[in-house]
């Protein structure tokens, strides 16, 4: 069982809400990625700088590339969903590794 060291609080709840409330289209993916951006900012404040830079910074940069592609209409709905799922998977894996609870 994972012992949680950190809690994302409201931004984690907003992320989960964006995921569950959205449809599988570019607009919903953008909402999820905007919430994920907020979560990365909170994680950056919670973790020691070296831990954030070691794992989270690269994933945050990748998420921003995905977000920009959707925002500028470079991805169709199917690609947007697949790329957003990838970004979420990477984020959740890192949260599990660092003991960060994404609030329900």
C-alpha atoms as a PDB file:
ATOM      1  CA  UNK A   1       0.000   0.000   0.000  1.00  0.00           C
ATOM      2  CA  UNK A   2       1.295   3.414  -0.940  1.00  0.00           C
ATOM      3  CA  UNK A   3       1.861   5.909   1.799  1.00  0.00           C
ATOM      4  CA  UNK A   4       0.968   9.353   0.557  1.00  0.00           C
ATOM      5  CA  UNK A   5       3.460  12.100   1.431  1.00  0.00           C
ATOM      6  CA  UNK A   6       1.761  14.906  -0.460  1.00  0.00           C
ATOM      7  CA  UNK A   7      -1.789  15.883  -1.431  1.00  0.00           C
ATOM      8  CA  UNK A   8      -2.682  17.946  -4.495  1.00  0.00           C
ATOM      9  CA  UNK A   9      -5.872  19.147  -2.824  1.00  0.00           C
ATOM     10  CA  UNK A  10      -8.199  21.278  -4.933  1.00  0.00           C
ATOM     11  CA  UNK A  11      -6.118  21.225  -8.106  1.00  0.00           C
ATOM     12  CA  UNK A  12      -6.123  17.406  -7.975  1.00  0.00           C
ATOM     13  CA  UNK A  13      -9.883  17.469  -7.546  1.00  0.00           C
ATOM     14  CA  UNK A  14     -10.200  19.825 -10.539  1.00  0.00           C
ATOM     15  CA  UNK A  15      -8.069  17.452 -12.605  1.00  0.00           C
ATOM     16  CA  UNK A  16     -10.227  14.465 -11.727  1.00  0.00           C
ATOM     17  CA  UNK A  17     -13.367  16.499 -12.435  1.00  0.00           C
ATOM     18  CA  UNK A  18     -12.055  17.571 -15.842  1.00  0.00           C
ATOM     19  CA  UNK A  19     -11.290  13.944 -16.666  1.00  0.00           C
ATOM     20  CA  UNK A  20     -14.669  12.591 -15.594  1.00  0.00           C
ATOM     21  CA  UNK A  21     -16.787  15.472 -16.942  1.00  0.00           C
ATOM     22  CA  UNK A  22     -15.260  15.624 -20.395  1.00  0.00           C
ATOM     23  CA  UNK A  23     -16.042  13.937 -23.645  1.00  0.00           C
ATOM     24  CA  UNK A  24     -13.397  12.376 -25.843  1.00  0.00           C
ATOM     25  CA  UNK A  25     -12.659  15.416 -27.978  1.00  0.00           C
ATOM     26  CA  UNK A  26      -9.999  18.094 -28.320  1.00  0.00           C
ATOM     27  CA  UNK A  27     -11.874  20.658 -26.235  1.00  0.00           C
ATOM     28  CA  UNK A  28     -12.190  18.314 -23.259  1.00  0.00           C
ATOM     29  CA  UNK A  29      -8.569  17.252 -23.628  1.00  0.00           C
ATOM     30  CA  UNK A  30      -7.504  20.880 -23.466  1.00  0.00           C
ATOM     31  CA  UNK A  31      -9.492  21.320 -20.231  1.00  0.00           C
ATOM     32  CA  UNK A  32      -7.794  18.234 -18.754  1.00  0.00           C
ATOM     33  CA  UNK A  33      -4.349  19.442 -19.790  1.00  0.00           C
ATOM     34  CA  UNK A  34      -5.014  22.903 -18.335  1.00  0.00           C
ATOM     35  CA  UNK A  35      -5.911  21.238 -15.024  1.00  0.00           C
ATOM     36  CA  UNK A  36      -2.822  19.047 -15.328  1.00  0.00           C
ATOM     37  CA  UNK A  37      -0.709  22.174 -15.859  1.00  0.00           C
ATOM     38  CA  UNK A  38      -2.012  23.495 -12.539  1.00  0.00           C
ATOM     39  CA  UNK A  39      -1.117  20.189 -10.860  1.00  0.00           C
ATOM     40  CA  UNK A  40       2.433  20.312 -12.196  1.00  0.00           C
ATOM     41  CA  UNK A  41       2.782  23.834 -10.784  1.00  0.00           C
ATOM     42  CA  UNK A  42       1.633  22.620  -7.373  1.00  0.00           C
ATOM     43  CA  UNK A  43       3.942  19.587  -7.470  1.00  0.00           C
ATOM     44  CA  UNK A  44       6.830  21.923  -8.281  1.00  0.00           C
ATOM     45  CA  UNK A  45       6.084  23.901  -5.103  1.00  0.00           C
ATOM     46  CA  UNK A  46       5.721  20.760  -2.944  1.00  0.00           C
ATOM     47  CA  UNK A  47       8.758  18.725  -3.954  1.00  0.00           C
ATOM     48  CA  UNK A  48      12.401  19.534  -3.373  1.00  0.00           C
ATOM     49  CA  UNK A  49      13.766  21.168  -6.545  1.00  0.00           C
ATOM     50  CA  UNK A  50      16.081  18.269  -7.382  1.00  0.00           C
ATOM     51  CA  UNK A  51      13.203  15.750  -7.254  1.00  0.00           C
ATOM     52  CA  UNK A  52      11.004  17.905  -9.459  1.00  0.00           C
ATOM     53  CA  UNK A  53      13.775  18.557 -11.964  1.00  0.00           C
ATOM     54  CA  UNK A  54      14.762  14.896 -12.067  1.00  0.00           C
ATOM     55  CA  UNK A  55      11.408  13.502 -13.200  1.00  0.00           C
ATOM     56  CA  UNK A  56       8.586  16.010 -13.356  1.00  0.00           C
ATOM     57  CA  UNK A  57      10.161  18.821 -15.406  1.00  0.00           C
ATOM     58  CA  UNK A  58      10.565  16.687 -18.540  1.00  0.00           C
ATOM     59  CA  UNK A  59       7.018  15.316 -18.248  1.00  0.00           C
ATOM     60  CA  UNK A  60       5.661  18.832 -17.753  1.00  0.00           C
ATOM     61  CA  UNK A  61       7.484  19.974 -20.899  1.00  0.00           C
ATOM     62  CA  UNK A  62       6.008  17.046 -22.854  1.00  0.00           C
ATOM     63  CA  UNK A  63       2.539  17.888 -21.545  1.00  0.00           C
ATOM     64  CA  UNK A  64       2.976  21.508 -22.689  1.00  0.00           C
ATOM     65  CA  UNK A  65       3.882  20.327 -26.200  1.00  0.00           C
ATOM     66  CA  UNK A  66       0.755  18.163 -26.291  1.00  0.00           C
ATOM     67  CA  UNK A  67      -1.371  21.026 -24.920  1.00  0.00           C
ATOM     68  CA  UNK A  68       0.001  23.472 -27.487  1.00  0.00           C
ATOM     69  CA  UNK A  69      -0.686  21.054 -30.336  1.00  0.00           C
ATOM     70  CA  UNK A  70      -4.302  20.741 -29.289  1.00  0.00           C
ATOM     71  CA  UNK A  71      -4.689  24.450 -28.602  1.00  0.00           C
ATOM     72  CA  UNK A  72      -3.434  25.345 -32.073  1.00  0.00           C
ATOM     73  CA  UNK A  73      -5.573  22.715 -33.812  1.00  0.00           C
ATOM     74  CA  UNK A  74      -2.693  20.467 -34.865  1.00  0.00           C
ATOM     75  CA  UNK A  75      -4.323  17.304 -33.450  1.00  0.00           C
ATOM     76  CA  UNK A  76      -7.639  15.751 -34.389  1.00  0.00           C
ATOM     77  CA  UNK A  77      -9.866  14.431 -31.584  1.00  0.00           C
ATOM     78  CA  UNK A  78      -8.423  10.920 -31.725  1.00  0.00           C
ATOM     79  CA  UNK A  79      -4.801  12.111 -31.476  1.00  0.00           C
ATOM     80  CA  UNK A  80      -5.718  14.621 -28.768  1.00  0.00           C
ATOM     81  CA  UNK A  81      -7.301  11.880 -26.646  1.00  0.00           C
ATOM     82  CA  UNK A  82      -4.369   9.497 -27.129  1.00  0.00           C
ATOM     83  CA  UNK A  83      -1.805  12.191 -26.309  1.00  0.00           C
ATOM     84  CA  UNK A  84      -3.768  13.390 -23.285  1.00  0.00           C
ATOM     85  CA  UNK A  85      -4.072   9.824 -22.003  1.00  0.00           C
ATOM     86  CA  UNK A  86      -0.306   9.472 -22.360  1.00  0.00           C
ATOM     87  CA  UNK A  87       0.329  12.708 -20.438  1.00  0.00           C
ATOM     88  CA  UNK A  88      -2.040  11.611 -17.649  1.00  0.00           C
ATOM     89  CA  UNK A  89      -0.468   8.160 -17.449  1.00  0.00           C
ATOM     90  CA  UNK A  90       2.996   9.650 -17.060  1.00  0.00           C
ATOM     91  CA  UNK A  91       1.779  12.096 -14.417  1.00  0.00           C
ATOM     92  CA  UNK A  92      -0.031   9.449 -12.372  1.00  0.00           C
ATOM     93  CA  UNK A  93       2.979   7.116 -12.530  1.00  0.00           C
ATOM     94  CA  UNK A  94       5.231   9.859 -11.177  1.00  0.00           C
ATOM     95  CA  UNK A  95       2.696  10.759  -8.495  1.00  0.00           C
ATOM     96  CA  UNK A  96       2.626   7.132  -7.375  1.00  0.00           C
ATOM     97  CA  UNK A  97       6.427   7.007  -7.303  1.00  0.00           C
ATOM     98  CA  UNK A  98       6.682  10.160  -5.186  1.00  0.00           C
ATOM     99  CA  UNK A  99       3.688   9.478  -2.935  1.00  0.00           C
ATOM    100  CA  UNK A 100       1.511  12.302  -4.258  1.00  0.00           C
ATOM    101  CA  UNK A 101      -2.234  11.870  -3.767  1.00  0.00           C
ATOM    102  CA  UNK A 102      -4.454  13.235  -6.526  1.00  0.00           C
ATOM    103  CA  UNK A 103      -7.525  14.215  -4.559  1.00  0.00           C
ATOM    104  CA  UNK A 104     -10.872  12.685  -5.469  1.00  0.00           C
END
